[in-house]
């Protein structure tokens, strides 16, 4: 039997998650948020069927979040992994590699991954030129979303991985 899962991939909400993005990713088995979340309200809106995986962005630290949410932000890892049929996803925000990270640097650091997810730049990209693939879902909120909020949806099975882009117009 071929096990098939879906993963909603988003990043850079900056305190506001577009409800259309939430609607798309909440249909998925897993949701990945690649950082710059800004508050617990964003995380509360993410309700995957199985698991939410979120990592800290460069703006996710206790002094920046509301004091009542300090424990939530402190619990966010800098990096995480999700094992799926057909391979592993590695998630990080990407800011450790500068404002315009080189995908080859991600690939050198995460050779065992099938897919590397990062945020930070707010630029949506799907780089399948080499393995592992490197993707950035763009911004899921209002800040620097380059025309509208976006996310990615990964369809993963043992045999095939396929990535769809979801892009909405600014309202």
Protein backbone atom coordinates (compact mmCIF):
# COMPACT_ATOMS: atom_id res chain seq x y z
CA UNK A 1 0.00 0.00 0.00
CA UNK A 2 1.34 3.40 -0.99
CA UNK A 3 1.02 5.85 1.92
CA UNK A 4 0.28 9.40 0.70
CA UNK A 5 0.49 12.50 2.92
CA UNK A 6 0.11 16.22 2.39
CA UNK A 7 2.20 18.92 4.03
CA UNK A 8 1.25 22.60 4.14
CA UNK A 9 4.39 24.74 4.11
CA UNK A 10 4.35 28.38 5.17
CA UNK A 11 6.60 31.03 6.66
CA UNK A 12 6.93 34.68 7.63
CA UNK A 13 3.46 35.41 9.00
CA UNK A 14 4.82 38.36 11.03
CA UNK A 15 1.86 38.26 13.41
CA UNK A 16 -0.89 37.87 10.79
CA UNK A 17 -1.83 34.66 9.03
CA UNK A 18 -3.96 35.23 5.95
CA UNK A 19 -7.18 33.22 6.53
CA UNK A 20 -7.05 31.85 2.97
CA UNK A 21 -3.61 30.36 3.73
CA UNK A 22 -4.93 28.85 6.97
CA UNK A 23 -7.83 27.29 5.06
CA UNK A 24 -5.46 25.61 2.57
CA UNK A 25 -2.89 24.28 5.04
CA UNK A 26 -5.46 23.11 7.59
CA UNK A 27 -6.60 20.47 5.07
CA UNK A 28 -3.12 18.92 5.20
CA UNK A 29 -1.82 16.03 7.28
CA UNK A 30 1.12 18.12 8.50
CA UNK A 31 1.87 21.83 8.62
CA UNK A 32 5.35 23.34 8.63
CA UNK A 33 5.89 26.97 9.67
CA UNK A 34 9.44 28.08 8.84
CA UNK A 35 9.61 30.98 11.29
CA UNK A 36 8.96 34.66 11.87
CA UNK A 37 5.67 33.73 13.46
CA UNK A 38 5.51 36.74 15.88
CA UNK A 39 2.76 35.45 18.20
CA UNK A 40 0.88 32.41 19.47
CA UNK A 41 -2.31 33.50 17.68
CA UNK A 42 -0.72 32.53 14.35
CA UNK A 43 0.12 29.06 15.68
CA UNK A 44 -3.37 28.63 17.17
CA UNK A 45 -4.90 29.03 13.70
CA UNK A 46 -2.85 26.11 12.32
CA UNK A 47 -4.72 22.85 12.78
CA UNK A 48 -3.22 20.00 10.73
CA UNK A 49 -4.69 16.50 10.81
CA UNK A 50 -1.49 15.11 12.40
CA UNK A 51 1.24 17.52 13.49
CA UNK A 52 2.34 21.15 13.42
CA UNK A 53 6.08 21.74 13.15
CA UNK A 54 7.28 25.31 13.69
CA UNK A 55 10.78 26.72 13.97
CA UNK A 56 12.02 30.05 15.29
CA UNK A 57 12.80 32.85 12.89
CA UNK A 58 15.13 35.76 13.57
CA UNK A 59 12.16 37.70 15.01
CA UNK A 60 10.95 34.87 17.23
CA UNK A 61 12.52 35.52 20.63
CA UNK A 62 10.97 36.22 24.05
CA UNK A 63 11.60 39.97 24.15
CA UNK A 64 9.78 40.41 20.84
CA UNK A 65 6.71 38.33 21.68
CA UNK A 66 4.11 39.20 24.32
CA UNK A 67 5.42 38.34 27.80
CA UNK A 68 2.53 35.90 28.34
CA UNK A 69 3.80 33.89 25.35
CA UNK A 70 7.48 33.74 26.38
CA UNK A 71 7.40 29.99 27.07
CA UNK A 72 5.87 29.28 23.65
CA UNK A 73 8.53 31.20 21.75
CA UNK A 74 11.33 29.76 23.89
CA UNK A 75 10.13 26.24 22.99
CA UNK A 76 10.53 26.84 19.24
CA UNK A 77 13.58 25.00 17.89
CA UNK A 78 16.00 26.64 15.44
CA UNK A 79 15.72 23.58 13.19
CA UNK A 80 13.42 20.59 12.92
CA UNK A 81 12.80 17.49 10.80
CA UNK A 82 9.77 15.67 9.48
CA UNK A 83 10.12 12.08 8.29
CA UNK A 84 7.65 11.19 5.54
CA UNK A 85 7.12 8.36 3.07
CA UNK A 86 9.99 8.73 0.60
CA UNK A 87 12.28 10.98 2.64
CA UNK A 88 12.91 13.61 5.28
CA UNK A 89 12.17 17.33 5.33
CA UNK A 90 14.55 19.64 7.21
CA UNK A 91 13.12 22.97 8.34
CA UNK A 92 15.00 26.11 9.38
CA UNK A 93 14.33 29.83 9.01
CA UNK A 94 17.53 30.40 7.01
CA UNK A 95 18.71 33.68 8.55
CA UNK A 96 21.92 32.04 9.80
CA UNK A 97 23.08 32.08 6.15
CA UNK A 98 22.42 35.80 5.64
CA UNK A 99 19.74 37.78 3.84
CA UNK A 100 20.11 35.89 0.55
CA UNK A 101 21.05 32.30 1.47
CA UNK A 102 22.77 30.15 -1.12
CA UNK A 103 20.86 26.94 -1.69
CA UNK A 104 24.10 24.99 -2.03
CA UNK A 105 24.94 25.97 1.57
CA UNK A 106 21.66 24.43 2.74
CA UNK A 107 22.40 21.32 0.67
CA UNK A 108 25.89 20.94 2.22
CA UNK A 109 24.43 21.20 5.72
CA UNK A 110 21.52 18.80 5.16
CA UNK A 111 22.77 16.07 2.83
CA UNK A 112 20.38 13.43 4.22
CA UNK A 113 17.25 15.47 3.50
CA UNK A 114 15.02 15.08 0.47
CA UNK A 115 13.61 18.59 0.95
CA UNK A 116 14.88 21.67 2.80
CA UNK A 117 12.34 24.32 3.81
CA UNK A 118 13.39 27.84 4.78
CA UNK A 119 11.81 31.29 5.08
CA UNK A 120 13.36 34.66 5.92
CA UNK A 121 13.61 36.15 2.41
CA UNK A 122 9.83 36.33 1.81
CA UNK A 123 10.57 35.21 -1.77
CA UNK A 124 8.69 32.12 -2.91
CA UNK A 125 10.97 29.64 -4.63
CA UNK A 126 10.99 25.96 -5.55
CA UNK A 127 14.54 24.86 -6.39
CA UNK A 128 14.57 21.32 -7.77
CA UNK A 129 17.80 21.78 -9.77
CA UNK A 130 19.73 19.52 -7.39
CA UNK A 131 19.08 17.28 -4.43
CA UNK A 132 17.96 17.87 -1.84
CA UNK A 133 15.30 20.23 -3.14
CA UNK A 134 15.22 23.67 -1.47
CA UNK A 135 11.97 25.60 -1.11
CA UNK A 136 10.78 28.85 0.39
CA UNK A 137 7.00 29.30 0.62
CA UNK A 138 7.15 33.11 0.63
CA UNK A 139 5.22 35.17 3.19
CA UNK A 140 1.89 33.93 4.57
CA UNK A 141 0.78 37.32 5.93
CA UNK A 142 0.76 40.97 4.89
CA UNK A 143 4.43 41.92 5.37
CA UNK A 144 6.57 41.90 2.18
CA UNK A 145 4.43 39.23 0.53
CA UNK A 146 5.31 40.42 -2.99
CA UNK A 147 1.75 40.78 -4.29
CA UNK A 148 -0.06 38.36 -2.04
CA UNK A 149 0.26 35.73 0.66
CA UNK A 150 1.50 32.32 -0.39
CA UNK A 151 2.24 28.81 0.78
CA UNK A 152 3.26 25.48 -0.70
CA UNK A 153 1.58 22.08 -0.47
CA UNK A 154 3.73 18.96 -0.72
CA UNK A 155 2.12 15.70 -1.83
CA UNK A 156 4.44 12.94 -0.63
CA UNK A 157 4.40 9.20 -1.15
CA UNK A 158 7.13 6.58 -1.15
CA UNK A 159 7.31 6.83 -4.96
CA UNK A 160 6.79 10.51 -5.73
CA UNK A 161 6.94 13.98 -4.20
CA UNK A 162 5.12 16.87 -5.89
CA UNK A 163 4.91 20.51 -4.75
CA UNK A 164 2.02 22.86 -5.52
CA UNK A 165 2.23 26.64 -5.15
CA UNK A 166 -0.72 28.45 -3.60
CA UNK A 167 -0.73 32.21 -4.18
CA UNK A 168 -3.48 34.67 -3.32
CA UNK A 169 -3.85 38.28 -4.37
CA UNK A 170 -3.55 40.97 -1.71
CA UNK A 171 -6.96 42.04 -0.45
